[in-house]
Amino acid sequence: MNQQNNISTNPMMEDRCVERYNVTIFASLRQTNSKPFDIEICDISRAGFACKGVSGMPKGARCWVRIPMMGGLQAEVIWNTGAKIGCAFTDLLNQAVLQNIITRHPVQIKL
């Protein structure tokens, strides 16, 4: 991480250059070698997602998110506030896959 401006030098870690979508997706998450638990994805992009319903996953933890009607997607926890976490997908989502997700889970408009 570049300490001078606090920006990650790894674009997969926290890519703020890609379009993000505010959504409500009920999914499951599991840390590697653990049982899955329910989460609510509230933000998604090609690079990652943010979700509610998580407290104990440490920064750097490897995890798998399962979105309904999709296989598991591997990710890494980038930040954790105690009630919400942000994860970076191990591989960027294909734009068509992201379009499919937001078509099935409409984007929420924030006023």
PDB file of N, CA and C in Angstrom:
ATOM      1  N   MET A   1       0.852  -1.183   0.000  1.00  0.00           N
ATOM      2  CA  MET A   1       0.000   0.000   0.000  1.00  0.00           C
ATOM      3  C   MET A   1       0.885   1.230   0.000  1.00  0.00           C
ATOM      4  N   ASN A   2       0.540   2.208  -0.756  1.00  0.00           N
ATOM      5  CA  ASN A   2       1.257   3.451  -0.821  1.00  0.00           C
ATOM      6  C   ASN A   2       0.898   4.273   0.422  1.00  0.00           C
ATOM      7  N   GLN A   3       1.837   4.389   1.362  1.00  0.00           N
ATOM      8  CA  GLN A   3       1.552   5.059   2.639  1.00  0.00           C
ATOM      9  C   GLN A   3       1.358   6.563   2.475  1.00  0.00           C
ATOM     10  N   GLN A   4       1.977   7.149   1.446  1.00  0.00           N
ATOM     11  CA  GLN A   4       1.905   8.586   1.268  1.00  0.00           C
ATOM     12  C   GLN A   4       0.485   9.072   0.991  1.00  0.00           C
ATOM     13  N   ASN A   5      -0.251   8.370   0.138  1.00  0.00           N
ATOM     14  CA  ASN A   5      -1.613   8.809  -0.154  1.00  0.00           C
ATOM     15  C   ASN A   5      -2.655   7.766   0.216  1.00  0.00           C
ATOM     16  N   ASN A   6      -2.225   6.699   0.919  1.00  0.00           N
ATOM     17  CA  ASN A   6      -3.122   5.678   1.451  1.00  0.00           C
ATOM     18  C   ASN A   6      -3.981   5.013   0.368  1.00  0.00           C
ATOM     19  N   ILE A   7      -3.396   4.835  -0.823  1.00  0.00           N
ATOM     20  CA  ILE A   7      -4.092   4.176  -1.922  1.00  0.00           C
ATOM     21  C   ILE A   7      -3.410   2.846  -2.181  1.00  0.00           C
ATOM     22  N   SER A   8      -4.196   1.792  -2.306  1.00  0.00           N
ATOM     23  CA  SER A   8      -3.656   0.473  -2.577  1.00  0.00           C
ATOM     24  C   SER A   8      -3.017   0.454  -3.950  1.00  0.00           C
ATOM     25  N   THR A   9      -1.842  -0.192  -4.066  1.00  0.00           N
ATOM     26  CA  THR A   9      -1.191  -0.329  -5.361  1.00  0.00           C
ATOM     27  C   THR A   9      -1.714  -1.555  -6.090  1.00  0.00           C
ATOM     28  N   ASN A  10      -2.522  -2.377  -5.434  1.00  0.00           N
ATOM     29  CA  ASN A  10      -3.128  -3.542  -6.057  1.00  0.00           C
ATOM     30  C   ASN A  10      -4.546  -3.169  -6.466  1.00  0.00           C
ATOM     31  N   PRO A  11      -4.827  -3.071  -7.787  1.00  0.00           N
ATOM     32  CA  PRO A  11      -6.159  -2.618  -8.220  1.00  0.00           C
ATOM     33  C   PRO A  11      -7.282  -3.540  -7.791  1.00  0.00           C
ATOM     34  N   MET A  12      -7.002  -4.818  -7.503  1.00  0.00           N
ATOM     35  CA  MET A  12      -8.055  -5.735  -7.075  1.00  0.00           C
ATOM     36  C   MET A  12      -8.446  -5.480  -5.619  1.00  0.00           C
ATOM     37  N   MET A  13      -7.611  -4.805  -4.856  1.00  0.00           N
ATOM     38  CA  MET A  13      -7.864  -4.627  -3.436  1.00  0.00           C
ATOM     39  C   MET A  13      -9.018  -3.661  -3.163  1.00  0.00           C
ATOM     40  N   GLU A  14      -9.106  -2.573  -3.883  1.00  0.00           N
ATOM     41  CA  GLU A  14     -10.178  -1.608  -3.641  1.00  0.00           C
ATOM     42  C   GLU A  14     -10.295  -0.730  -4.877  1.00  0.00           C
ATOM     43  N   ASP A  15     -10.907  -1.243  -5.906  1.00  0.00           N
ATOM     44  CA  ASP A  15     -11.009  -0.553  -7.178  1.00  0.00           C
ATOM     45  C   ASP A  15     -12.217   0.375  -7.165  1.00  0.00           C
ATOM     46  N   ARG A  16     -11.979   1.641  -6.953  1.00  0.00           N
ATOM     47  CA  ARG A  16     -13.052   2.635  -6.924  1.00  0.00           C
ATOM     48  C   ARG A  16     -13.297   3.235  -8.303  1.00  0.00           C
ATOM     49  N   CYS A  17     -12.604   2.724  -9.332  1.00  0.00           N
ATOM     50  CA  CYS A  17     -12.761   3.249 -10.686  1.00  0.00           C
ATOM     51  C   CYS A  17     -13.895   2.567 -11.443  1.00  0.00           C
ATOM     52  N   VAL A  18     -14.415   1.476 -10.918  1.00  0.00           N
ATOM     53  CA  VAL A  18     -15.491   0.766 -11.605  1.00  0.00           C
ATOM     54  C   VAL A  18     -16.837   1.216 -11.043  1.00  0.00           C
ATOM     55  N   GLU A  19     -17.859   1.126 -11.891  1.00  0.00           N
ATOM     56  CA  GLU A  19     -19.190   1.550 -11.467  1.00  0.00           C
ATOM     57  C   GLU A  19     -19.750   0.608 -10.407  1.00  0.00           C
ATOM     58  N   ARG A  20     -20.296   1.203  -9.345  1.00  0.00           N
ATOM     59  CA  ARG A  20     -20.884   0.440  -8.255  1.00  0.00           C
ATOM     60  C   ARG A  20     -22.398   0.574  -8.332  1.00  0.00           C
ATOM     61  N   TYR A  21     -23.088  -0.483  -7.876  1.00  0.00           N
ATOM     62  CA  TYR A  21     -24.547  -0.504  -7.914  1.00  0.00           C
ATOM     63  C   TYR A  21     -25.077  -0.770  -6.512  1.00  0.00           C
ATOM     64  N   ASN A  22     -26.011   0.071  -6.061  1.00  0.00           N
ATOM     65  CA  ASN A  22     -26.683  -0.141  -4.780  1.00  0.00           C
ATOM     66  C   ASN A  22     -27.793  -1.151  -5.006  1.00  0.00           C
ATOM     67  N   VAL A  23     -27.686  -2.290  -4.343  1.00  0.00           N
ATOM     68  CA  VAL A  23     -28.631  -3.386  -4.534  1.00  0.00           C
ATOM     69  C   VAL A  23     -29.038  -3.956  -3.182  1.00  0.00           C
ATOM     70  N   THR A  24     -30.023  -4.813  -3.204  1.00  0.00           N
ATOM     71  CA  THR A  24     -30.364  -5.637  -2.046  1.00  0.00           C
ATOM     72  C   THR A  24     -30.396  -7.074  -2.544  1.00  0.00           C
ATOM     73  N   ILE A  25     -29.357  -7.819  -2.199  1.00  0.00           N
ATOM     74  CA  ILE A  25     -29.249  -9.214  -2.616  1.00  0.00           C
ATOM     75  C   ILE A  25     -29.044 -10.063  -1.364  1.00  0.00           C
ATOM     76  N   PHE A  26     -29.966 -10.960  -1.111  1.00  0.00           N
ATOM     77  CA  PHE A  26     -29.803 -11.879   0.015  1.00  0.00           C
ATOM     78  C   PHE A  26     -28.975 -13.051  -0.485  1.00  0.00           C
ATOM     79  N   ALA A  27     -27.827 -13.241   0.130  1.00  0.00           N
ATOM     80  CA  ALA A  27     -26.848 -14.227  -0.330  1.00  0.00           C
ATOM     81  C   ALA A  27     -26.263 -14.941   0.886  1.00  0.00           C
ATOM     82  N   SER A  28     -25.270 -15.772   0.635  1.00  0.00           N
ATOM     83  CA  SER A  28     -24.557 -16.407   1.747  1.00  0.00           C
ATOM     84  C   SER A  28     -23.066 -16.191   1.559  1.00  0.00           C
ATOM     85  N   LEU A  29     -22.359 -16.218   2.666  1.00  0.00           N
ATOM     86  CA  LEU A  29     -20.919 -15.986   2.679  1.00  0.00           C
ATOM     87  C   LEU A  29     -20.294 -17.001   3.607  1.00  0.00           C
ATOM     88  N   ARG A  30     -19.133 -17.464   3.240  1.00  0.00           N
ATOM     89  CA  ARG A  30     -18.410 -18.344   4.149  1.00  0.00           C
ATOM     90  C   ARG A  30     -16.931 -18.088   4.014  1.00  0.00           C
ATOM     91  N   GLN A  31     -16.281 -18.094   5.146  1.00  0.00           N
ATOM     92  CA  GLN A  31     -14.830 -18.015   5.154  1.00  0.00           C
ATOM     93  C   GLN A  31     -14.311 -19.398   4.766  1.00  0.00           C
ATOM     94  N   THR A  32     -13.150 -19.473   4.147  1.00  0.00           N
ATOM     95  CA  THR A  32     -12.583 -20.751   3.747  1.00  0.00           C
ATOM     96  C   THR A  32     -12.599 -21.716   4.928  1.00  0.00           C
ATOM     97  N   ASN A  33     -13.074 -22.936   4.690  1.00  0.00           N
ATOM     98  CA  ASN A  33     -13.167 -24.012   5.686  1.00  0.00           C
ATOM     99  C   ASN A  33     -14.159 -23.726   6.817  1.00  0.00           C
ATOM    100  N   SER A  34     -15.152 -22.894   6.563  1.00  0.00           N
ATOM    101  CA  SER A  34     -16.181 -22.587   7.563  1.00  0.00           C
ATOM    102  C   SER A  34     -17.564 -22.790   6.962  1.00  0.00           C
ATOM    103  N   LYS A  35     -18.569 -22.774   7.827  1.00  0.00           N
ATOM    104  CA  LYS A  35     -19.955 -22.914   7.374  1.00  0.00           C
ATOM    105  C   LYS A  35     -20.466 -21.573   6.855  1.00  0.00           C
ATOM    106  N   PRO A  36     -21.361 -21.599   5.842  1.00  0.00           N
ATOM    107  CA  PRO A  36     -21.913 -20.353   5.310  1.00  0.00           C
ATOM    108  C   PRO A  36     -22.930 -19.723   6.270  1.00  0.00           C
ATOM    109  N   PHE A  37     -23.093 -18.427   6.133  1.00  0.00           N
ATOM    110  CA  PHE A  37     -24.105 -17.698   6.897  1.00  0.00           C
ATOM    111  C   PHE A  37     -24.738 -16.663   5.977  1.00  0.00           C
ATOM    112  N   ASP A  38     -25.935 -16.199   6.342  1.00  0.00           N
ATOM    113  CA  ASP A  38     -26.692 -15.269   5.514  1.00  0.00           C
ATOM    114  C   ASP A  38     -26.142 -13.857   5.611  1.00  0.00           C
ATOM    115  N   ILE A  39     -26.136 -13.189   4.468  1.00  0.00           N
ATOM    116  CA  ILE A  39     -25.722 -11.782   4.396  1.00  0.00           C
ATOM    117  C   ILE A  39     -26.681 -11.037   3.477  1.00  0.00           C
ATOM    118  N   GLU A  40     -26.566  -9.726   3.489  1.00  0.00           N
ATOM    119  CA  GLU A  40     -27.287  -8.864   2.553  1.00  0.00           C
ATOM    120  C   GLU A  40     -26.259  -8.017   1.815  1.00  0.00           C
ATOM    121  N   ILE A  41     -26.095  -8.289   0.522  1.00  0.00           N
ATOM    122  CA  ILE A  41     -25.195  -7.474  -0.287  1.00  0.00           C
ATOM    123  C   ILE A  41     -25.904  -6.162  -0.576  1.00  0.00           C
ATOM    124  N   CYS A  42     -25.232  -5.052  -0.282  1.00  0.00           N
ATOM    125  CA  CYS A  42     -25.862  -3.744  -0.463  1.00  0.00           C
ATOM    126  C   CYS A  42     -25.177  -2.919  -1.547  1.00  0.00           C
ATOM    127  N   ASP A  43     -24.046  -3.406  -2.048  1.00  0.00           N
ATOM    128  CA  ASP A  43     -23.276  -2.681  -3.054  1.00  0.00           C
ATOM    129  C   ASP A  43     -22.477  -3.712  -3.833  1.00  0.00           C
ATOM    130  N   ILE A  44     -22.485  -3.616  -5.165  1.00  0.00           N
ATOM    131  CA  ILE A  44     -21.728  -4.580  -5.976  1.00  0.00           C
ATOM    132  C   ILE A  44     -21.142  -3.876  -7.192  1.00  0.00           C
ATOM    133  N   SER A  45     -19.995  -4.362  -7.617  1.00  0.00           N
ATOM    134  CA  SER A  45     -19.329  -3.877  -8.822  1.00  0.00           C
ATOM    135  C   SER A  45     -18.587  -5.043  -9.447  1.00  0.00           C
ATOM    136  N   ARG A  46     -17.917  -4.797 -10.558  1.00  0.00           N
ATOM    137  CA  ARG A  46     -17.113  -5.857 -11.167  1.00  0.00           C
ATOM    138  C   ARG A  46     -15.968  -6.260 -10.243  1.00  0.00           C
ATOM    139  N   ALA A  47     -15.510  -5.349  -9.389  1.00  0.00           N
ATOM    140  CA  ALA A  47     -14.343  -5.595  -8.543  1.00  0.00           C
ATOM    141  C   ALA A  47     -14.671  -6.198  -7.183  1.00  0.00           C
ATOM    142  N   GLY A  48     -15.903  -6.007  -6.680  1.00  0.00           N
ATOM    143  CA  GLY A  48     -16.204  -6.519  -5.349  1.00  0.00           C
ATOM    144  C   GLY A  48     -17.589  -6.147  -4.868  1.00  0.00           C
ATOM    145  N   PHE A  49     -17.781  -6.262  -3.560  1.00  0.00           N
ATOM    146  CA  PHE A  49     -19.091  -6.002  -2.982  1.00  0.00           C
ATOM    147  C   PHE A  49     -18.941  -5.578  -1.526  1.00  0.00           C
ATOM    148  N   ALA A  50     -19.999  -4.958  -1.010  1.00  0.00           N
ATOM    149  CA  ALA A  50     -20.110  -4.651   0.422  1.00  0.00           C
ATOM    150  C   ALA A  50     -21.355  -5.359   0.918  1.00  0.00           C
ATOM    151  N   CYS A  51     -21.304  -5.844   2.150  1.00  0.00           N
ATOM    152  CA  CYS A  51     -22.473  -6.547   2.675  1.00  0.00           C
ATOM    153  C   CYS A  51     -22.659  -6.287   4.158  1.00  0.00           C
ATOM    154  N   LYS A  52     -23.916  -6.456   4.584  1.00  0.00           N
ATOM    155  CA  LYS A  52     -24.310  -6.326   5.982  1.00  0.00           C
ATOM    156  C   LYS A  52     -24.451  -7.720   6.574  1.00  0.00           C
ATOM    157  N   GLY A  53     -24.392  -7.804   7.882  1.00  0.00           N
ATOM    158  CA  GLY A  53     -24.628  -9.071   8.563  1.00  0.00           C
ATOM    159  C   GLY A  53     -23.368  -9.836   8.892  1.00  0.00           C
ATOM    160  N   VAL A  54     -22.247  -9.152   8.922  1.00  0.00           N
ATOM    161  CA  VAL A  54     -20.956  -9.791   9.168  1.00  0.00           C
ATOM    162  C   VAL A  54     -20.249  -9.028  10.279  1.00  0.00           C
ATOM    163  N   SER A  55     -19.608  -9.760  11.181  1.00  0.00           N
ATOM    164  CA  SER A  55     -18.850  -9.045  12.208  1.00  0.00           C
ATOM    165  C   SER A  55     -17.451  -9.597  12.428  1.00  0.00           C
ATOM    166  N   GLY A  56     -17.279 -10.909  12.365  1.00  0.00           N
ATOM    167  CA  GLY A  56     -16.017 -11.488  12.792  1.00  0.00           C
ATOM    168  C   GLY A  56     -14.996 -11.803  11.731  1.00  0.00           C
ATOM    169  N   MET A  57     -15.212 -11.420  10.479  1.00  0.00           N
ATOM    170  CA  MET A  57     -14.245 -11.770   9.440  1.00  0.00           C
ATOM    171  C   MET A  57     -13.139 -10.721   9.377  1.00  0.00           C
ATOM    172  N   PRO A  58     -11.913 -11.139   9.605  1.00  0.00           N
ATOM    173  CA  PRO A  58     -10.811 -10.166   9.628  1.00  0.00           C
ATOM    174  C   PRO A  58     -10.388  -9.725   8.228  1.00  0.00           C
ATOM    175  N   LYS A  59      -9.807  -8.558   8.160  1.00  0.00           N
ATOM    176  CA  LYS A  59      -9.236  -8.052   6.919  1.00  0.00           C
ATOM    177  C   LYS A  59      -8.236  -9.084   6.405  1.00  0.00           C
ATOM    178  N   GLY A  60      -8.296  -9.365   5.117  1.00  0.00           N
ATOM    179  CA  GLY A  60      -7.390 -10.341   4.519  1.00  0.00           C
ATOM    180  C   GLY A  60      -7.952 -11.751   4.445  1.00  0.00           C
ATOM    181  N   ALA A  61      -9.087 -11.997   5.115  1.00  0.00           N
ATOM    182  CA  ALA A  61      -9.681 -13.342   5.099  1.00  0.00           C
ATOM    183  C   ALA A  61     -10.171 -13.686   3.701  1.00  0.00           C
ATOM    184  N   ARG A  62      -9.935 -14.919   3.296  1.00  0.00           N
ATOM    185  CA  ARG A  62     -10.453 -15.432   2.027  1.00  0.00           C
ATOM    186  C   ARG A  62     -11.865 -15.933   2.281  1.00  0.00           C
ATOM    187  N   CYS A  63     -12.778 -15.657   1.366  1.00  0.00           N
ATOM    188  CA  CYS A  63     -14.159 -16.069   1.553  1.00  0.00           C
ATOM    189  C   CYS A  63     -14.791 -16.400   0.211  1.00  0.00           C
ATOM    190  N   TRP A  64     -15.983 -16.997   0.298  1.00  0.00           N
ATOM    191  CA  TRP A  64     -16.775 -17.352  -0.873  1.00  0.00           C
ATOM    192  C   TRP A  64     -18.166 -16.778  -0.685  1.00  0.00           C
ATOM    193  N   VAL A  65     -18.649 -16.036  -1.672  1.00  0.00           N
ATOM    194  CA  VAL A  65     -20.007 -15.513  -1.636  1.00  0.00           C
ATOM    195  C   VAL A  65     -20.832 -16.302  -2.645  1.00  0.00           C
ATOM    196  N   ARG A  66     -22.043 -16.648  -2.246  1.00  0.00           N
ATOM    197  CA  ARG A  66     -22.950 -17.360  -3.144  1.00  0.00           C
ATOM    198  C   ARG A  66     -24.196 -16.495  -3.329  1.00  0.00           C
ATOM    199  N   ILE A  67     -24.334 -16.011  -4.560  1.00  0.00           N
ATOM    200  CA  ILE A  67     -25.485 -15.203  -4.947  1.00  0.00           C
ATOM    201  C   ILE A  67     -26.508 -16.154  -5.563  1.00  0.00           C
ATOM    202  N   PRO A  68     -27.805 -16.009  -5.230  1.00  0.00           N
ATOM    203  CA  PRO A  68     -28.805 -16.922  -5.781  1.00  0.00           C
ATOM    204  C   PRO A  68     -28.686 -17.102  -7.291  1.00  0.00           C
ATOM    205  N   MET A  69     -28.808 -18.352  -7.727  1.00  0.00           N
ATOM    206  CA  MET A  69     -28.746 -18.752  -9.124  1.00  0.00           C
ATOM    207  C   MET A  69     -27.361 -18.574  -9.745  1.00  0.00           C
ATOM    208  N   MET A  70     -26.327 -18.515  -8.892  1.00  0.00           N
ATOM    209  CA  MET A  70     -24.948 -18.421  -9.367  1.00  0.00           C
ATOM    210  C   MET A  70     -24.086 -19.359  -8.533  1.00  0.00           C
ATOM    211  N   GLY A  71     -22.947 -19.703  -9.060  1.00  0.00           N
ATOM    212  CA  GLY A  71     -21.988 -20.478  -8.287  1.00  0.00           C
ATOM    213  C   GLY A  71     -21.283 -19.574  -7.289  1.00  0.00           C
ATOM    214  N   GLY A  72     -20.403 -20.145  -6.495  1.00  0.00           N
ATOM    215  CA  GLY A  72     -19.650 -19.367  -5.529  1.00  0.00           C
ATOM    216  C   GLY A  72     -18.596 -18.501  -6.204  1.00  0.00           C
ATOM    217  N   LEU A  73     -18.386 -17.321  -5.647  1.00  0.00           N
ATOM    218  CA  LEU A  73     -17.373 -16.399  -6.138  1.00  0.00           C
ATOM    219  C   LEU A  73     -16.369 -16.152  -5.015  1.00  0.00           C
ATOM    220  N   GLN A  74     -15.093 -16.344  -5.312  1.00  0.00           N
ATOM    221  CA  GLN A  74     -14.068 -16.163  -4.289  1.00  0.00           C
ATOM    222  C   GLN A  74     -13.739 -14.681  -4.147  1.00  0.00           C
ATOM    223  N   ALA A  75     -13.500 -14.270  -2.905  1.00  0.00           N
ATOM    224  CA  ALA A  75     -13.188 -12.870  -2.615  1.00  0.00           C
ATOM    225  C   ALA A  75     -12.255 -12.787  -1.410  1.00  0.00           C
ATOM    226  N   GLU A  76     -11.822 -11.573  -1.119  1.00  0.00           N
ATOM    227  CA  GLU A  76     -10.986 -11.300   0.044  1.00  0.00           C
ATOM    228  C   GLU A  76     -11.556 -10.104   0.791  1.00  0.00           C
ATOM    229  N   VAL A  77     -11.617 -10.196   2.114  1.00  0.00           N
ATOM    230  CA  VAL A  77     -12.112  -9.088   2.932  1.00  0.00           C
ATOM    231  C   VAL A  77     -11.086  -7.957   2.890  1.00  0.00           C
ATOM    232  N   ILE A  78     -11.538  -6.768   2.505  1.00  0.00           N
ATOM    233  CA  ILE A  78     -10.668  -5.603   2.397  1.00  0.00           C
ATOM    234  C   ILE A  78     -10.839  -4.677   3.601  1.00  0.00           C
ATOM    235  N   TRP A  79     -12.067  -4.574   4.102  1.00  0.00           N
ATOM    236  CA  TRP A  79     -12.329  -3.764   5.284  1.00  0.00           C
ATOM    237  C   TRP A  79     -13.505  -4.348   6.048  1.00  0.00           C
ATOM    238  N   ASN A  80     -13.562  -4.032   7.344  1.00  0.00           N
ATOM    239  CA  ASN A  80     -14.624  -4.536   8.216  1.00  0.00           C
ATOM    240  C   ASN A  80     -14.925  -3.476   9.268  1.00  0.00           C
ATOM    241  N   THR A  81     -16.181  -3.032   9.324  1.00  0.00           N
ATOM    242  CA  THR A  81     -16.578  -2.034  10.316  1.00  0.00           C
ATOM    243  C   THR A  81     -17.190  -2.669  11.569  1.00  0.00           C
ATOM    244  N   GLY A  82     -17.368  -3.980  11.538  1.00  0.00           N
ATOM    245  CA  GLY A  82     -18.017  -4.673  12.641  1.00  0.00           C
ATOM    246  C   GLY A  82     -19.454  -5.047  12.319  1.00  0.00           C
ATOM    247  N   ALA A  83     -20.081  -4.296  11.422  1.00  0.00           N
ATOM    248  CA  ALA A  83     -21.453  -4.599  10.999  1.00  0.00           C
ATOM    249  C   ALA A  83     -21.548  -4.748   9.493  1.00  0.00           C
ATOM    250  N   LYS A  84     -20.518  -4.334   8.791  1.00  0.00           N
ATOM    251  CA  LYS A  84     -20.504  -4.353   7.337  1.00  0.00           C
ATOM    252  C   LYS A  84     -19.069  -4.620   6.884  1.00  0.00           C
ATOM    253  N   ILE A  85     -18.924  -5.399   5.796  1.00  0.00           N
ATOM    254  CA  ILE A  85     -17.585  -5.631   5.255  1.00  0.00           C
ATOM    255  C   ILE A  85     -17.555  -5.293   3.771  1.00  0.00           C
ATOM    256  N   GLY A  86     -16.362  -5.019   3.284  1.00  0.00           N
ATOM    257  CA  GLY A  86     -16.125  -4.824   1.862  1.00  0.00           C
ATOM    258  C   GLY A  86     -15.165  -5.900   1.390  1.00  0.00           C
ATOM    259  N   CYS A  87     -15.487  -6.521   0.266  1.00  0.00           N
ATOM    260  CA  CYS A  87     -14.665  -7.607  -0.276  1.00  0.00           C
ATOM    261  C   CYS A  87     -14.311  -7.322  -1.724  1.00  0.00           C
ATOM    262  N   ALA A  88     -13.121  -7.742  -2.113  1.00  0.00           N
ATOM    263  CA  ALA A  88     -12.685  -7.673  -3.508  1.00  0.00           C
ATOM    264  C   ALA A  88     -12.763  -9.071  -4.088  1.00  0.00           C
ATOM    265  N   PHE A  89     -13.392  -9.203  -5.253  1.00  0.00           N
ATOM    266  CA  PHE A  89     -13.420 -10.490  -5.926  1.00  0.00           C
ATOM    267  C   PHE A  89     -11.996 -10.877  -6.326  1.00  0.00           C
ATOM    268  N   THR A  90     -11.681 -12.161  -6.259  1.00  0.00           N
ATOM    269  CA  THR A  90     -10.366 -12.632  -6.673  1.00  0.00           C
ATOM    270  C   THR A  90     -10.149 -12.332  -8.151  1.00  0.00           C
ATOM    271  N   ASP A  91     -11.182 -12.528  -8.961  1.00  0.00           N
ATOM    272  CA  ASP A  91     -11.149 -12.193 -10.389  1.00  0.00           C
ATOM    273  C   ASP A  91     -12.285 -11.213 -10.667  1.00  0.00           C
ATOM    274  N   LEU A  92     -12.011 -10.187 -11.456  1.00  0.00           N
ATOM    275  CA  LEU A  92     -13.071  -9.249 -11.818  1.00  0.00           C
ATOM    276  C   LEU A  92     -14.240 -10.002 -12.434  1.00  0.00           C
ATOM    277  N   LEU A  93     -15.451  -9.572 -12.092  1.00  0.00           N
ATOM    278  CA  LEU A  93     -16.630 -10.161 -12.730  1.00  0.00           C
ATOM    279  C   LEU A  93     -16.678  -9.732 -14.185  1.00  0.00           C
ATOM    280  N   ASN A  94     -17.074 -10.630 -15.036  1.00  0.00           N
ATOM    281  CA  ASN A  94     -17.339 -10.302 -16.423  1.00  0.00           C
ATOM    282  C   ASN A  94     -18.509  -9.329 -16.434  1.00  0.00           C
ATOM    283  N   GLN A  95     -18.475  -8.334 -17.331  1.00  0.00           N
ATOM    284  CA  GLN A  95     -19.543  -7.337 -17.380  1.00  0.00           C
ATOM    285  C   GLN A  95     -20.906  -7.973 -17.606  1.00  0.00           C
ATOM    286  N   ALA A  96     -20.975  -9.035 -18.422  1.00  0.00           N
ATOM    287  CA  ALA A  96     -22.251  -9.720 -18.682  1.00  0.00           C
ATOM    288  C   ALA A  96     -22.776 -10.395 -17.413  1.00  0.00           C
ATOM    289  N   VAL A  97     -21.883 -10.942 -16.596  1.00  0.00           N
ATOM    290  CA  VAL A  97     -22.290 -11.567 -15.329  1.00  0.00           C
ATOM    291  C   VAL A  97     -22.841 -10.500 -14.386  1.00  0.00           C
ATOM    292  N   LEU A  98     -22.151  -9.371 -14.277  1.00  0.00           N
ATOM    293  CA  LEU A  98     -22.637  -8.282 -13.426  1.00  0.00           C
ATOM    294  C   LEU A  98     -23.994  -7.784 -13.920  1.00  0.00           C
ATOM    295  N   GLN A  99     -24.156  -7.630 -15.230  1.00  0.00           N
ATOM    296  CA  GLN A  99     -25.440  -7.199 -15.789  1.00  0.00           C
ATOM    297  C   GLN A  99     -26.544  -8.172 -15.433  1.00  0.00           C
ATOM    298  N   ASN A 100     -26.248  -9.461 -15.480  1.00  0.00           N
ATOM    299  CA  ASN A 100     -27.216 -10.492 -15.114  1.00  0.00           C
ATOM    300  C   ASN A 100     -27.627 -10.341 -13.655  1.00  0.00           C
ATOM    301  N   ILE A 101     -26.666 -10.104 -12.780  1.00  0.00           N
ATOM    302  CA  ILE A 101     -26.949  -9.948 -11.348  1.00  0.00           C
ATOM    303  C   ILE A 101     -27.847  -8.739 -11.109  1.00  0.00           C
ATOM    304  N   ILE A 102     -27.489  -7.594 -11.687  1.00  0.00           N
ATOM    305  CA  ILE A 102     -28.285  -6.390 -11.396  1.00  0.00           C
ATOM    306  C   ILE A 102     -29.627  -6.404 -12.113  1.00  0.00           C
ATOM    307  N   THR A 103     -29.769  -7.213 -13.161  1.00  0.00           N
ATOM    308  CA  THR A 103     -31.076  -7.376 -13.809  1.00  0.00           C
ATOM    309  C   THR A 103     -32.008  -8.165 -12.890  1.00  0.00           C
ATOM    310  N   ARG A 104     -31.465  -9.207 -12.238  1.00  0.00           N
ATOM    311  CA  ARG A 104     -32.282 -10.038 -11.335  1.00  0.00           C
ATOM    312  C   ARG A 104     -32.495  -9.389  -9.976  1.00  0.00           C
ATOM    313  N   HIS A 105     -31.633  -8.451  -9.611  1.00  0.00           N
ATOM    314  CA  HIS A 105     -31.715  -7.768  -8.310  1.00  0.00           C
ATOM    315  C   HIS A 105     -31.627  -6.265  -8.607  1.00  0.00           C
ATOM    316  N   PRO A 106     -32.760  -5.643  -8.883  1.00  0.00           N
ATOM    317  CA  PRO A 106     -32.752  -4.247  -9.340  1.00  0.00           C
ATOM    318  C   PRO A 106     -31.968  -3.288  -8.437  1.00  0.00           C
ATOM    319  N   VAL A 107     -31.351  -2.343  -9.087  1.00  0.00           N
ATOM    320  CA  VAL A 107     -30.555  -1.323  -8.410  1.00  0.00           C
ATOM    321  C   VAL A 107     -31.482  -0.411  -7.622  1.00  0.00           C
ATOM    322  N   GLN A 108     -31.074  -0.093  -6.397  1.00  0.00           N
ATOM    323  CA  GLN A 108     -31.838   0.800  -5.523  1.00  0.00           C
ATOM    324  C   GLN A 108     -31.370   2.236  -5.774  1.00  0.00           C
ATOM    325  N   ILE A 109     -32.305   3.140  -5.889  1.00  0.00           N
ATOM    326  CA  ILE A 109     -31.967   4.548  -6.082  1.00  0.00           C
ATOM    327  C   ILE A 109     -31.904   5.211  -4.716  1.00  0.00           C
ATOM    328  N   LYS A 110     -30.760   5.836  -4.435  1.00  0.00           N
ATOM    329  CA  LYS A 110     -30.617   6.555  -3.164  1.00  0.00           C
ATOM    330  C   LYS A 110     -31.028   7.995  -3.382  1.00  0.00           C
ATOM    331  N   LEU A 111     -31.896   8.506  -2.524  1.00  0.00           N
ATOM    332  CA  LEU A 111     -32.350   9.900  -2.630  1.00  0.00           C
ATOM    333  C   LEU A 111     -31.575  10.769  -1.691  1.00  0.00           C
TER     334      LEU A 111
END
